[in-house]
Amino acid sequence: MAVATFLTAFFLCCLSIDARSQSQEDADAPWHWQVERVSGRVQVETREGERFTAKRGMIVRRGWKVKTGSGRIVISRGEEKFVVSRGAIVTLEPKGILIKRMTVYQDRGQIDVDVTRRWYRHFRVETPFLAAVVKGTNFRSRVTQNTATINVGHGVVGVHDFASGQQANIGAGQSAFTNPARRVGLSVRGRTRPQITQGRKRAPAFATRIVRNVPATPAEARKANAAQSNSNGNSNGNGNGNSNSNSNGNSNGNGNGNSNGNSNGNSNGNSNGNSNGNGNGNSNGNSNGNSNGNSNGNSNGNSNGNSNGNSNGNSNGNSNGNSNGNGNGNGKSGR
């Protein structure tokens, strides 16, 4: 009970702080998003199917579908605003009573956003290929038939790619690009490269065109995520086959691990080079086959480990070289 009371008080305090920080702005500016400026002819379609031309001073209503054509429209709320450029199709979804949020469903075209930072994420852009969550910033979102690009002027935008599930926080001077029909995954740029993390695949949040590799529905996204989860795990089994090649070069490093299983096959080839390093590990299993070839080179290093198993086969070849190092273990040689 005490915890619930504390959380309620904290939430109301946050609301009060945000309200005070916006008090001067709200005293002079409307609470709702409205049309600040229109150039050219911009068409608006409501959810009920009503169509009209956008005019300055209009209050933006939920579900407005804006088609700029050869025109351009500026929509603002106090000092915050976004510009919808020519040739764009966007659907506007202002939400909330006490906490105001705006979601722009951008089907195509370009929008430029300039909003202030708040304690909650109040501005979001959804495209057919990725989502951009504003954390207080100035950025540009451009959508074509098959691509989406986010360029950030200042602040931070969280980007989520639908086809791959990849996510990244894009900062000032950085950009994110996706073309899922050609290549799945985010392409990021900037003086400092944004870090990409793996998230879950998802479908677009609004009805739009179907693009290859992008889940068309939430059900397809769940199926793709389940398949991805099953592909990440352990792989255990037997390997059977032939290896025929030449290896020339130097090997330097440490090898640590366990080998458990059966290996059946033939190894035929020449090995020429130097091997320098430490080998530590256990080998448990059966080795059956023939080893035929020449070994020429130097072996320098330490070999520590246990060999447990059966070795059956023939060894035919020449061994020429120097052996320098320490050997610890048991060795039996028969002819």
Foldseek 3Di string as FASTA:
>chain_A
DVVVVVVVVVVVVQLVVQCVVCVVQVVPWPQAKFWADKFDWKWWAAPVGDIDTHDHPGGDDAFIWIAQAQMKTWIDTRPWIKIFHHGWIWTWGWDDDSQIAIEIETAFGKMWTAFAAGPDQRYKYFYQFKIKTFRGFTWMWGGDPFKIKIATQAHWIWMATQLFRKIWIAGHQKMWMDRCLVPDDIDIDGPDTIDIDHGFHAGTPDDHDDGPSGDPHRVSSVVVRVVVVVVPDDDDDEDEDEDEDEEEDEDEDEEEDEDDDEYEYEYEYEYDYEYEYEYEYEYDDEYDYEYDDEYDDEYEYEYDYDYDYDYDYDYDYDYDDDYDYDYDDDDDDDD
